[in-house]
């Protein structure tokens, strides 16, 4: 029974990672591509680590939990830093009906020649 659960989690993780790659290729601007990559990447890797920890060995479960916890902390921070750099570079939002909520703040885009 645990082998079936591990197989299902592995397939789920691979599916999520594939959807993330498809989103990066297909979505129109850097911000939506970044959203797709960060969400699907975290969830896909978490599912793969859950599949690895189904075996029940304590060391593997502890390592998988630690990796998921670190990814939960670092993925949003890294995504925010990349999105802020893209905004400062002057990357435009090409998604229909996108709203720039930072246009009134002190962070203004700078376009280098």
PDB file of N, CA and C in Angstrom:
ATOM      1  N   UNK A   1       0.815  -1.194   0.000  1.00  0.00           N
ATOM      2  CA  UNK A   1       0.000   0.000   0.000  1.00  0.00           C
ATOM      3  C   UNK A   1       0.862   1.264   0.000  1.00  0.00           C
ATOM      4  N   UNK A   2       1.985   1.225   0.714  1.00  0.00           N
ATOM      5  CA  UNK A   2       2.843   2.411   0.731  1.00  0.00           C
ATOM      6  C   UNK A   2       3.482   2.654  -0.622  1.00  0.00           C
ATOM      7  N   UNK A   3       3.713   1.581  -1.387  1.00  0.00           N
ATOM      8  CA  UNK A   3       4.286   1.756  -2.724  1.00  0.00           C
ATOM      9  C   UNK A   3       3.309   2.476  -3.636  1.00  0.00           C
ATOM     10  N   UNK A   4       2.035   2.197  -3.498  1.00  0.00           N
ATOM     11  CA  UNK A   4       1.021   2.873  -4.312  1.00  0.00           C
ATOM     12  C   UNK A   4       0.957   4.351  -3.935  1.00  0.00           C
ATOM     13  N   UNK A   5       0.996   4.657  -2.642  1.00  0.00           N
ATOM     14  CA  UNK A   5       0.974   6.052  -2.195  1.00  0.00           C
ATOM     15  C   UNK A   5       2.206   6.798  -2.688  1.00  0.00           C
ATOM     16  N   UNK A   6       3.362   6.157  -2.634  1.00  0.00           N
ATOM     17  CA  UNK A   6       4.586   6.792  -3.128  1.00  0.00           C
ATOM     18  C   UNK A   6       4.507   7.036  -4.627  1.00  0.00           C
ATOM     19  N   UNK A   7       3.942   6.072  -5.366  1.00  0.00           N
ATOM     20  CA  UNK A   7       3.794   6.246  -6.814  1.00  0.00           C
ATOM     21  C   UNK A   7       2.836   7.386  -7.146  1.00  0.00           C
ATOM     22  N   UNK A   8       1.744   7.472  -6.416  1.00  0.00           N
ATOM     23  CA  UNK A   8       0.774   8.546  -6.654  1.00  0.00           C
ATOM     24  C   UNK A   8       1.398   9.907  -6.346  1.00  0.00           C
ATOM     25  N   UNK A   9       2.108  10.012  -5.239  1.00  0.00           N
ATOM     26  CA  UNK A   9       2.765  11.276  -4.895  1.00  0.00           C
ATOM     27  C   UNK A   9       3.851  11.641  -5.901  1.00  0.00           C
ATOM     28  N   UNK A  10       4.571  10.654  -6.397  1.00  0.00           N
ATOM     29  CA  UNK A  10       5.581  10.917  -7.406  1.00  0.00           C
ATOM     30  C   UNK A  10       4.949  11.436  -8.689  1.00  0.00           C
ATOM     31  N   UNK A  11       3.875  10.802  -9.123  1.00  0.00           N
ATOM     32  CA  UNK A  11       3.178  11.273 -10.326  1.00  0.00           C
ATOM     33  C   UNK A  11       2.593  12.667 -10.128  1.00  0.00           C
ATOM     34  N   UNK A  12       2.059  12.931  -8.943  1.00  0.00           N
ATOM     35  CA  UNK A  12       1.527  14.256  -8.643  1.00  0.00           C
ATOM     36  C   UNK A  12       2.634  15.307  -8.693  1.00  0.00           C
ATOM     37  N   UNK A  13       3.783  14.997  -8.100  1.00  0.00           N
ATOM     38  CA  UNK A  13       4.911  15.924  -8.133  1.00  0.00           C
ATOM     39  C   UNK A  13       5.398  16.193  -9.544  1.00  0.00           C
ATOM     40  N   UNK A  14       5.496  15.151 -10.345  1.00  0.00           N
ATOM     41  CA  UNK A  14       5.925  15.321 -11.733  1.00  0.00           C
ATOM     42  C   UNK A  14       4.905  16.116 -12.536  1.00  0.00           C
ATOM     43  N   UNK A  15       3.636  15.888 -12.275  1.00  0.00           N
ATOM     44  CA  UNK A  15       2.586  16.651 -12.957  1.00  0.00           C
ATOM     45  C   UNK A  15       2.665  18.131 -12.594  1.00  0.00           C
ATOM     46  N   UNK A  16       2.842  18.428 -11.326  1.00  0.00           N
ATOM     47  CA  UNK A  16       2.942  19.816 -10.884  1.00  0.00           C
ATOM     48  C   UNK A  16       4.172  20.503 -11.478  1.00  0.00           C
ATOM     49  N   UNK A  17       5.288  19.812 -11.508  1.00  0.00           N
ATOM     50  CA  UNK A  17       6.491  20.392 -12.097  1.00  0.00           C
ATOM     51  C   UNK A  17       6.323  20.613 -13.598  1.00  0.00           C
ATOM     52  N   UNK A  18       5.644  19.694 -14.271  1.00  0.00           N
ATOM     53  CA  UNK A  18       5.391  19.854 -15.701  1.00  0.00           C
ATOM     54  C   UNK A  18       4.476  21.043 -15.976  1.00  0.00           C
ATOM     55  N   UNK A  19       3.451  21.213 -15.158  1.00  0.00           N
ATOM     56  CA  UNK A  19       2.562  22.368 -15.311  1.00  0.00           C
ATOM     57  C   UNK A  19       3.335  23.665 -15.066  1.00  0.00           C
ATOM     58  N   UNK A  20       4.255  23.659 -14.118  1.00  0.00           N
ATOM     59  CA  UNK A  20       5.079  24.847 -13.865  1.00  0.00           C
ATOM     60  C   UNK A  20       5.956  25.195 -15.048  1.00  0.00           C
ATOM     61  N   UNK A  21       6.568  24.197 -15.668  1.00  0.00           N
ATOM     62  CA  UNK A  21       7.399  24.448 -16.847  1.00  0.00           C
ATOM     63  C   UNK A  21       6.533  24.963 -17.991  1.00  0.00           C
ATOM     64  N   UNK A  22       5.372  24.368 -18.168  1.00  0.00           N
ATOM     65  CA  UNK A  22       4.455  24.826 -19.209  1.00  0.00           C
ATOM     66  C   UNK A  22       4.037  26.280 -18.959  1.00  0.00           C
ATOM     67  N   UNK A  23       3.798  26.638 -17.701  1.00  0.00           N
ATOM     68  CA  UNK A  23       3.438  28.013 -17.369  1.00  0.00           C
ATOM     69  C   UNK A  23       4.560  28.996 -17.666  1.00  0.00           C
ATOM     70  N   UNK A  24       5.790  28.606 -17.400  1.00  0.00           N
ATOM     71  CA  UNK A  24       6.924  29.490 -17.685  1.00  0.00           C
ATOM     72  C   UNK A  24       7.050  29.730 -19.186  1.00  0.00           C
ATOM     73  N   UNK A  25       6.810  28.701 -19.974  1.00  0.00           N
ATOM     74  CA  UNK A  25       6.926  28.830 -21.429  1.00  0.00           C
ATOM     75  C   UNK A  25       5.739  29.588 -22.007  1.00  0.00           C
ATOM     76  N   UNK A  26       4.563  29.390 -21.464  1.00  0.00           N
ATOM     77  CA  UNK A  26       3.335  29.869 -22.085  1.00  0.00           C
ATOM     78  C   UNK A  26       2.856  31.232 -21.605  1.00  0.00           C
ATOM     79  N   UNK A  27       3.097  31.595 -20.374  1.00  0.00           N
ATOM     80  CA  UNK A  27       2.544  32.828 -19.822  1.00  0.00           C
ATOM     81  C   UNK A  27       3.252  34.062 -20.394  1.00  0.00           C
ATOM     82  N   UNK A  28       2.537  35.214 -20.446  1.00  0.00           N
ATOM     83  CA  UNK A  28       3.026  36.345 -21.235  1.00  0.00           C
ATOM     84  C   UNK A  28       4.129  37.207 -20.623  1.00  0.00           C
ATOM     85  N   UNK A  29       4.189  37.352 -19.313  1.00  0.00           N
ATOM     86  CA  UNK A  29       5.189  38.268 -18.765  1.00  0.00           C
ATOM     87  C   UNK A  29       5.975  37.622 -17.632  1.00  0.00           C
ATOM     88  N   UNK A  30       6.994  38.325 -17.202  1.00  0.00           N
ATOM     89  CA  UNK A  30       7.917  37.778 -16.200  1.00  0.00           C
ATOM     90  C   UNK A  30       7.225  37.521 -14.868  1.00  0.00           C
ATOM     91  N   UNK A  31       6.259  38.321 -14.521  1.00  0.00           N
ATOM     92  CA  UNK A  31       5.609  38.197 -13.219  1.00  0.00           C
ATOM     93  C   UNK A  31       4.744  36.942 -13.137  1.00  0.00           C
ATOM     94  N   UNK A  32       3.967  36.671 -14.178  1.00  0.00           N
ATOM     95  CA  UNK A  32       3.144  35.468 -14.168  1.00  0.00           C
ATOM     96  C   UNK A  32       3.997  34.220 -14.357  1.00  0.00           C
ATOM     97  N   UNK A  33       5.063  34.321 -15.130  1.00  0.00           N
ATOM     98  CA  UNK A  33       5.985  33.195 -15.274  1.00  0.00           C
ATOM     99  C   UNK A  33       6.639  32.864 -13.940  1.00  0.00           C
ATOM    100  N   UNK A  34       7.020  33.888 -13.208  1.00  0.00           N
ATOM    101  CA  UNK A  34       7.628  33.697 -11.898  1.00  0.00           C
ATOM    102  C   UNK A  34       6.641  33.063 -10.917  1.00  0.00           C
ATOM    103  N   UNK A  35       5.398  33.489 -10.987  1.00  0.00           N
ATOM    104  CA  UNK A  35       4.364  32.913 -10.127  1.00  0.00           C
ATOM    105  C   UNK A  35       4.203  31.423 -10.420  1.00  0.00           C
ATOM    106  N   UNK A  36       4.144  31.094 -11.683  1.00  0.00           N
ATOM    107  CA  UNK A  36       3.991  29.696 -12.077  1.00  0.00           C
ATOM    108  C   UNK A  36       5.184  28.857 -11.626  1.00  0.00           C
ATOM    109  N   UNK A  37       6.371  29.373 -11.836  1.00  0.00           N
ATOM    110  CA  UNK A  37       7.577  28.621 -11.481  1.00  0.00           C
ATOM    111  C   UNK A  37       7.697  28.416  -9.976  1.00  0.00           C
ATOM    112  N   UNK A  38       7.393  29.449  -9.201  1.00  0.00           N
ATOM    113  CA  UNK A  38       7.578  29.323  -7.753  1.00  0.00           C
ATOM    114  C   UNK A  38       6.520  28.425  -7.116  1.00  0.00           C
ATOM    115  N   UNK A  39       5.263  28.597  -7.495  1.00  0.00           N
ATOM    116  CA  UNK A  39       4.205  27.786  -6.885  1.00  0.00           C
ATOM    117  C   UNK A  39       4.318  26.318  -7.286  1.00  0.00           C
ATOM    118  N   UNK A  40       4.426  26.072  -8.589  1.00  0.00           N
ATOM    119  CA  UNK A  40       4.486  24.688  -9.054  1.00  0.00           C
ATOM    120  C   UNK A  40       5.791  24.022  -8.624  1.00  0.00           C
ATOM    121  N   UNK A  41       6.871  24.774  -8.612  1.00  0.00           N
ATOM    122  CA  UNK A  41       8.148  24.209  -8.179  1.00  0.00           C
ATOM    123  C   UNK A  41       8.113  23.780  -6.726  1.00  0.00           C
ATOM    124  N   UNK A  42       7.594  24.633  -5.865  1.00  0.00           N
ATOM    125  CA  UNK A  42       7.520  24.280  -4.443  1.00  0.00           C
ATOM    126  C   UNK A  42       6.592  23.090  -4.216  1.00  0.00           C
ATOM    127  N   UNK A  43       5.401  23.144  -4.799  1.00  0.00           N
ATOM    128  CA  UNK A  43       4.443  22.066  -4.573  1.00  0.00           C
ATOM    129  C   UNK A  43       4.912  20.753  -5.192  1.00  0.00           C
ATOM    130  N   UNK A  44       5.554  20.826  -6.358  1.00  0.00           N
ATOM    131  CA  UNK A  44       6.061  19.611  -6.995  1.00  0.00           C
ATOM    132  C   UNK A  44       7.167  18.958  -6.191  1.00  0.00           C
ATOM    133  N   UNK A  45       8.106  19.759  -5.726  1.00  0.00           N
ATOM    134  CA  UNK A  45       9.199  19.214  -4.917  1.00  0.00           C
ATOM    135  C   UNK A  45       8.670  18.695  -3.583  1.00  0.00           C
ATOM    136  N   UNK A  46       7.688  19.384  -2.996  1.00  0.00           N
ATOM    137  CA  UNK A  46       7.101  18.907  -1.742  1.00  0.00           C
ATOM    138  C   UNK A  46       6.414  17.555  -1.930  1.00  0.00           C
ATOM    139  N   UNK A  47       5.732  17.381  -3.058  1.00  0.00           N
ATOM    140  CA  UNK A  47       5.087  16.094  -3.325  1.00  0.00           C
ATOM    141  C   UNK A  47       6.129  14.997  -3.533  1.00  0.00           C
ATOM    142  N   UNK A  48       7.220  15.304  -4.230  1.00  0.00           N
ATOM    143  CA  UNK A  48       8.276  14.307  -4.423  1.00  0.00           C
ATOM    144  C   UNK A  48       8.947  13.942  -3.103  1.00  0.00           C
ATOM    145  N   UNK A  49       9.141  14.927  -2.244  1.00  0.00           N
ATOM    146  CA  UNK A  49       9.722  14.633  -0.931  1.00  0.00           C
ATOM    147  C   UNK A  49       8.753  13.846  -0.049  1.00  0.00           C
ATOM    148  N   UNK A  50       7.463  14.117  -0.182  1.00  0.00           N
ATOM    149  CA  UNK A  50       6.478  13.321   0.552  1.00  0.00           C
ATOM    150  C   UNK A  50       6.501  11.878   0.065  1.00  0.00           C
ATOM    151  N   UNK A  51       6.686  11.687  -1.241  1.00  0.00           N
ATOM    152  CA  UNK A  51       6.783  10.330  -1.783  1.00  0.00           C
ATOM    153  C   UNK A  51       8.018   9.620  -1.244  1.00  0.00           C
ATOM    154  N   UNK A  52       9.101  10.359  -1.096  1.00  0.00           N
ATOM    155  CA  UNK A  52      10.321   9.754  -0.564  1.00  0.00           C
ATOM    156  C   UNK A  52      10.179   9.399   0.907  1.00  0.00           C
ATOM    157  N   UNK A  53       9.365  10.151   1.629  1.00  0.00           N
ATOM    158  CA  UNK A  53       9.240   9.898   3.060  1.00  0.00           C
ATOM    159  C   UNK A  53       8.158   8.876   3.398  1.00  0.00           C
ATOM    160  N   UNK A  54       7.450   8.368   2.408  1.00  0.00           N
ATOM    161  CA  UNK A  54       6.421   7.361   2.663  1.00  0.00           C
ATOM    162  C   UNK A  54       7.032   6.071   3.185  1.00  0.00           C
ATOM    163  N   UNK A  55       8.318   5.864   2.925  1.00  0.00           N
ATOM    164  CA  UNK A  55       8.980   4.626   3.369  1.00  0.00           C
ATOM    165  C   UNK A  55       8.924   4.456   4.881  1.00  0.00           C
ATOM    166  N   UNK A  56       8.852   5.557   5.616  1.00  0.00           N
ATOM    167  CA  UNK A  56       8.693   5.472   7.050  1.00  0.00           C
ATOM    168  C   UNK A  56       9.973   5.542   7.849  1.00  0.00           C
ATOM    169  N   UNK A  57      11.118   5.642   7.194  1.00  0.00           N
ATOM    170  CA  UNK A  57      12.374   5.770   7.936  1.00  0.00           C
ATOM    171  C   UNK A  57      12.466   7.171   8.521  1.00  0.00           C
ATOM    172  N   UNK A  58      12.837   7.228   9.783  1.00  0.00           N
ATOM    173  CA  UNK A  58      12.858   8.496  10.501  1.00  0.00           C
ATOM    174  C   UNK A  58      13.809   9.526   9.927  1.00  0.00           C
ATOM    175  N   UNK A  59      14.987   9.098   9.512  1.00  0.00           N
ATOM    176  CA  UNK A  59      15.968  10.041   8.974  1.00  0.00           C
ATOM    177  C   UNK A  59      15.486  10.667   7.667  1.00  0.00           C
ATOM    178  N   UNK A  60      14.865   9.859   6.833  1.00  0.00           N
ATOM    179  CA  UNK A  60      14.371  10.377   5.554  1.00  0.00           C
ATOM    180  C   UNK A  60      13.216  11.345   5.781  1.00  0.00           C
ATOM    181  N   UNK A  61      12.330  11.004   6.693  1.00  0.00           N
ATOM    182  CA  UNK A  61      11.190  11.875   6.987  1.00  0.00           C
ATOM    183  C   UNK A  61      11.675  13.212   7.555  1.00  0.00           C
ATOM    184  N   UNK A  62      12.646  13.159   8.451  1.00  0.00           N
ATOM    185  CA  UNK A  62      13.172  14.391   9.050  1.00  0.00           C
ATOM    186  C   UNK A  62      13.833  15.269   8.003  1.00  0.00           C
ATOM    187  N   UNK A  63      14.618  14.677   7.119  1.00  0.00           N
ATOM    188  CA  UNK A  63      15.275  15.461   6.060  1.00  0.00           C
ATOM    189  C   UNK A  63      14.263  16.054   5.095  1.00  0.00           C
ATOM    190  N   UNK A  64      13.275  15.256   4.722  1.00  0.00           N
ATOM    191  CA  UNK A  64      12.247  15.751   3.805  1.00  0.00           C
ATOM    192  C   UNK A  64      11.474  16.899   4.438  1.00  0.00           C
ATOM    193  N   UNK A  65      11.128  16.763   5.711  1.00  0.00           N
ATOM    194  CA  UNK A  65      10.415  17.829   6.407  1.00  0.00           C
ATOM    195  C   UNK A  65      11.264  19.102   6.482  1.00  0.00           C
ATOM    196  N   UNK A  66      12.540  18.951   6.773  1.00  0.00           N
ATOM    197  CA  UNK A  66      13.428  20.105   6.849  1.00  0.00           C
ATOM    198  C   UNK A  66      13.563  20.789   5.490  1.00  0.00           C
ATOM    199  N   UNK A  67      13.684  20.016   4.430  1.00  0.00           N
ATOM    200  CA  UNK A  67      13.799  20.596   3.092  1.00  0.00           C
ATOM    201  C   UNK A  67      12.521  21.339   2.719  1.00  0.00           C
ATOM    202  N   UNK A  68      11.360  20.747   3.003  1.00  0.00           N
ATOM    203  CA  UNK A  68      10.090  21.412   2.692  1.00  0.00           C
ATOM    204  C   UNK A  68       9.956  22.700   3.511  1.00  0.00           C
ATOM    205  N   UNK A  69      10.357  22.671   4.771  1.00  0.00           N
ATOM    206  CA  UNK A  69      10.283  23.874   5.610  1.00  0.00           C
ATOM    207  C   UNK A  69      11.192  24.974   5.072  1.00  0.00           C
ATOM    208  N   UNK A  70      12.403  24.609   4.672  1.00  0.00           N
ATOM    209  CA  UNK A  70      13.310  25.613   4.121  1.00  0.00           C
ATOM    210  C   UNK A  70      12.806  26.160   2.788  1.00  0.00           C
ATOM    211  N   UNK A  71      12.238  25.303   1.957  1.00  0.00           N
ATOM    212  CA  UNK A  71      11.663  25.771   0.696  1.00  0.00           C
ATOM    213  C   UNK A  71      10.465  26.689   0.943  1.00  0.00           C
ATOM    214  N   UNK A  72       9.677  26.384   1.959  1.00  0.00           N
ATOM    215  CA  UNK A  72       8.514  27.222   2.278  1.00  0.00           C
ATOM    216  C   UNK A  72       8.941  28.618   2.706  1.00  0.00           C
ATOM    217  N   UNK A  73      10.125  28.728   3.298  1.00  0.00           N
ATOM    218  CA  UNK A  73      10.621  30.036   3.729  1.00  0.00           C
ATOM    219  C   UNK A  73      11.348  30.761   2.599  1.00  0.00           C
ATOM    220  N   UNK A  74      12.150  30.046   1.824  1.00  0.00           N
ATOM    221  CA  UNK A  74      13.003  30.712   0.840  1.00  0.00           C
ATOM    222  C   UNK A  74      12.343  30.957  -0.513  1.00  0.00           C
ATOM    223  N   UNK A  75      11.388  30.145  -0.920  1.00  0.00           N
ATOM    224  CA  UNK A  75      10.773  30.324  -2.233  1.00  0.00           C
ATOM    225  C   UNK A  75      10.041  31.659  -2.372  1.00  0.00           C
ATOM    226  N   UNK A  76       9.203  32.061  -1.432  1.00  0.00           N
ATOM    227  CA  UNK A  76       8.550  33.362  -1.584  1.00  0.00           C
ATOM    228  C   UNK A  76       9.527  34.534  -1.541  1.00  0.00           C
ATOM    229  N   UNK A  77      10.558  34.430  -0.724  1.00  0.00           N
ATOM    230  CA  UNK A  77      11.540  35.515  -0.629  1.00  0.00           C
ATOM    231  C   UNK A  77      12.308  35.654  -1.943  1.00  0.00           C
ATOM    232  N   UNK A  78      12.729  34.535  -2.511  1.00  0.00           N
ATOM    233  CA  UNK A  78      13.456  34.570  -3.783  1.00  0.00           C
ATOM    234  C   UNK A  78      12.557  35.071  -4.906  1.00  0.00           C
ATOM    235  N   UNK A  79      11.305  34.648  -4.929  1.00  0.00           N
ATOM    236  CA  UNK A  79      10.379  35.102  -5.957  1.00  0.00           C
ATOM    237  C   UNK A  79      10.128  36.600  -5.848  1.00  0.00           C
ATOM    238  N   UNK A  80      10.000  37.087  -4.639  1.00  0.00           N
ATOM    239  CA  UNK A  80       9.806  38.523  -4.443  1.00  0.00           C
ATOM    240  C   UNK A  80      11.025  39.306  -4.912  1.00  0.00           C
ATOM    241  N   UNK A  81      12.214  38.816  -4.610  1.00  0.00           N
ATOM    242  CA  UNK A  81      13.427  39.515  -5.031  1.00  0.00           C
ATOM    243  C   UNK A  81      13.544  39.556  -6.555  1.00  0.00           C
ATOM    244  N   UNK A  82      13.224  38.465  -7.219  1.00  0.00           N
ATOM    245  CA  UNK A  82      13.289  38.441  -8.682  1.00  0.00           C
ATOM    246  C   UNK A  82      12.223  39.351  -9.281  1.00  0.00           C
ATOM    247  N   UNK A  83      11.014  39.338  -8.723  1.00  0.00           N
ATOM    248  CA  UNK A  83       9.950  40.207  -9.233  1.00  0.00           C
ATOM    249  C   UNK A  83      10.294  41.681  -9.017  1.00  0.00           C
ATOM    250  N   UNK A  84      10.894  42.000  -7.898  1.00  0.00           N
ATOM    251  CA  UNK A  84      11.291  43.389  -7.643  1.00  0.00           C
ATOM    252  C   UNK A  84      12.384  43.831  -8.607  1.00  0.00           C
ATOM    253  N   UNK A  85      13.325  42.943  -8.887  1.00  0.00           N
ATOM    254  CA  UNK A  85      14.371  43.272  -9.865  1.00  0.00           C
ATOM    255  C   UNK A  85      13.776  43.465 -11.254  1.00  0.00           C
ATOM    256  N   UNK A  86      12.800  42.629 -11.612  1.00  0.00           N
ATOM    257  CA  UNK A  86      12.147  42.787 -12.912  1.00  0.00           C
ATOM    258  C   UNK A  86      11.392  44.112 -12.974  1.00  0.00           C
ATOM    259  N   UNK A  87      10.743  44.491 -11.902  1.00  0.00           N
ATOM    260  CA  UNK A  87      10.025  45.764 -11.872  1.00  0.00           C
ATOM    261  C   UNK A  87      10.984  46.941 -11.982  1.00  0.00           C
ATOM    262  N   UNK A  88      12.084  46.870 -11.263  1.00  0.00           N
ATOM    263  CA  UNK A  88      13.063  47.956 -11.322  1.00  0.00           C
ATOM    264  C   UNK A  88      13.731  48.056 -12.689  1.00  0.00           C
ATOM    265  N   UNK A  89      13.818  46.936 -13.387  1.00  0.00           N
ATOM    266  CA  UNK A  89      14.353  46.948 -14.745  1.00  0.00           C
ATOM    267  C   UNK A  89      13.379  47.538 -15.739  1.00  0.00           C
ATOM    268  N   UNK A  90      12.128  47.649 -15.349  1.00  0.00           N
ATOM    269  CA  UNK A  90      11.125  48.229 -16.231  1.00  0.00           C
ATOM    270  C   UNK A  90      10.317  47.198 -17.009  1.00  0.00           C
ATOM    271  N   UNK A  91      10.322  45.957 -16.531  1.00  0.00           N
ATOM    272  CA  UNK A  91       9.523  44.934 -17.211  1.00  0.00           C
ATOM    273  C   UNK A  91       8.046  45.306 -17.110  1.00  0.00           C
ATOM    274  N   UNK A  92       7.364  45.263 -18.234  1.00  0.00           N
ATOM    275  CA  UNK A  92       5.951  45.623 -18.262  1.00  0.00           C
ATOM    276  C   UNK A  92       5.074  44.408 -17.982  1.00  0.00           C
ATOM    277  N   UNK A  93       3.906  44.681 -17.429  1.00  0.00           N
ATOM    278  CA  UNK A  93       2.912  43.638 -17.210  1.00  0.00           C
ATOM    279  C   UNK A  93       2.104  43.499 -18.495  1.00  0.00           C
ATOM    280  N   UNK A  94       2.147  42.324 -19.086  1.00  0.00           N
ATOM    281  CA  UNK A  94       1.439  42.095 -20.340  1.00  0.00           C
ATOM    282  C   UNK A  94       0.166  41.286 -20.150  1.00  0.00           C
ATOM    283  N   UNK A  95      -0.134  40.940 -18.940  1.00  0.00           N
ATOM    284  CA  UNK A  95      -1.345  40.182 -18.657  1.00  0.00           C
ATOM    285  C   UNK A  95      -2.550  41.119 -18.764  1.00  0.00           C
ATOM    286  N   UNK A  96      -3.609  40.699 -19.461  1.00  0.00           N
ATOM    287  CA  UNK A  96      -4.797  41.562 -19.540  1.00  0.00           C
ATOM    288  C   UNK A  96      -5.364  41.844 -18.151  1.00  0.00           C
ATOM    289  N   UNK A  97      -5.783  43.069 -17.949  1.00  0.00           N
ATOM    290  CA  UNK A  97      -6.380  43.532 -16.689  1.00  0.00           C
ATOM    291  C   UNK A  97      -5.413  43.493 -15.511  1.00  0.00           C
ATOM    292  N   UNK A  98      -4.108  43.515 -15.764  1.00  0.00           N
ATOM    293  CA  UNK A  98      -3.131  43.548 -14.674  1.00  0.00           C
ATOM    294  C   UNK A  98      -3.140  44.928 -14.026  1.00  0.00           C
ATOM    295  N   UNK A  99      -3.008  44.965 -12.723  1.00  0.00           N
ATOM    296  CA  UNK A  99      -3.015  46.211 -11.974  1.00  0.00           C
ATOM    297  C   UNK A  99      -1.670  46.368 -11.299  1.00  0.00           C
ATOM    298  N   UNK A 100      -1.022  47.501 -11.521  1.00  0.00           N
ATOM    299  CA  UNK A 100       0.255  47.790 -10.884  1.00  0.00           C
ATOM    300  C   UNK A 100      -0.030  48.454  -9.540  1.00  0.00           C
ATOM    301  N   UNK A 101       0.093  47.711  -8.470  1.00  0.00           N
ATOM    302  CA  UNK A 101      -0.214  48.237  -7.144  1.00  0.00           C
ATOM    303  C   UNK A 101       0.961  48.988  -6.531  1.00  0.00           C
ATOM    304  N   UNK A 102       2.118  48.969  -7.156  1.00  0.00           N
ATOM    305  CA  UNK A 102       3.291  49.646  -6.597  1.00  0.00           C
ATOM    306  C   UNK A 102       3.599  50.956  -7.298  1.00  0.00           C
ATOM    307  N   UNK A 103       2.780  51.399  -8.224  1.00  0.00           N
ATOM    308  CA  UNK A 103       3.133  52.579  -8.998  1.00  0.00           C
ATOM    309  C   UNK A 103       3.153  53.862  -8.178  1.00  0.00           C
ATOM    310  N   UNK A 104       2.484  53.889  -7.044  1.00  0.00           N
ATOM    311  CA  UNK A 104       2.472  55.095  -6.209  1.00  0.00           C
ATOM    312  C   UNK A 104       3.504  55.056  -5.098  1.00  0.00           C
ATOM    313  N   UNK A 105       4.265  53.985  -5.013  1.00  0.00           N
ATOM    314  CA  UNK A 105       5.254  53.865  -3.946  1.00  0.00           C
ATOM    315  C   UNK A 105       6.590  54.445  -4.386  1.00  0.00           C
ATOM    316  N   UNK A 106       7.552  54.407  -3.491  1.00  0.00           N
ATOM    317  CA  UNK A 106       8.855  55.008  -3.763  1.00  0.00           C
ATOM    318  C   UNK A 106       9.726  54.183  -4.715  1.00  0.00           C
ATOM    319  N   UNK A 107       9.358  52.964  -5.006  1.00  0.00           N
ATOM    320  CA  UNK A 107      10.143  52.129  -5.908  1.00  0.00           C
ATOM    321  C   UNK A 107       9.685  52.428  -7.325  1.00  0.00           C
ATOM    322  N   UNK A 108      10.478  53.095  -8.074  1.00  0.00           N
ATOM    323  CA  UNK A 108      10.158  53.438  -9.444  1.00  0.00           C
ATOM    324  C   UNK A 108      11.019  52.624 -10.396  1.00  0.00           C
ATOM    325  N   UNK A 109      10.451  52.208 -11.511  1.00  0.00           N
ATOM    326  CA  UNK A 109      11.262  51.459 -12.465  1.00  0.00           C
ATOM    327  C   UNK A 109      12.322  52.351 -13.083  1.00  0.00           C
ATOM    328  N   UNK A 110      13.484  51.779 -13.280  1.00  0.00           N
ATOM    329  CA  UNK A 110      14.574  52.506 -13.938  1.00  0.00           C
ATOM    330  C   UNK A 110      14.942  51.760 -15.197  1.00  0.00           C
ATOM    331  N   UNK A 111      14.951  52.456 -16.291  1.00  0.00           N
ATOM    332  CA  UNK A 111      15.276  51.858 -17.566  1.00  0.00           C
ATOM    333  C   UNK A 111      16.695  52.253 -17.927  1.00  0.00           C
ATOM    334  N   UNK A 112      17.579  51.251 -18.050  1.00  0.00           N
ATOM    335  CA  UNK A 112      18.948  51.585 -18.450  1.00  0.00           C
ATOM    336  C   UNK A 112      19.056  51.614 -19.973  1.00  0.00           C
ATOM    337  N   UNK A 113      19.937  52.442 -20.456  1.00  0.00           N
ATOM    338  CA  UNK A 113      20.060  52.559 -21.922  1.00  0.00           C
ATOM    339  C   UNK A 113      20.673  51.357 -22.562  1.00  0.00           C
TER     340      UNK A 113
END
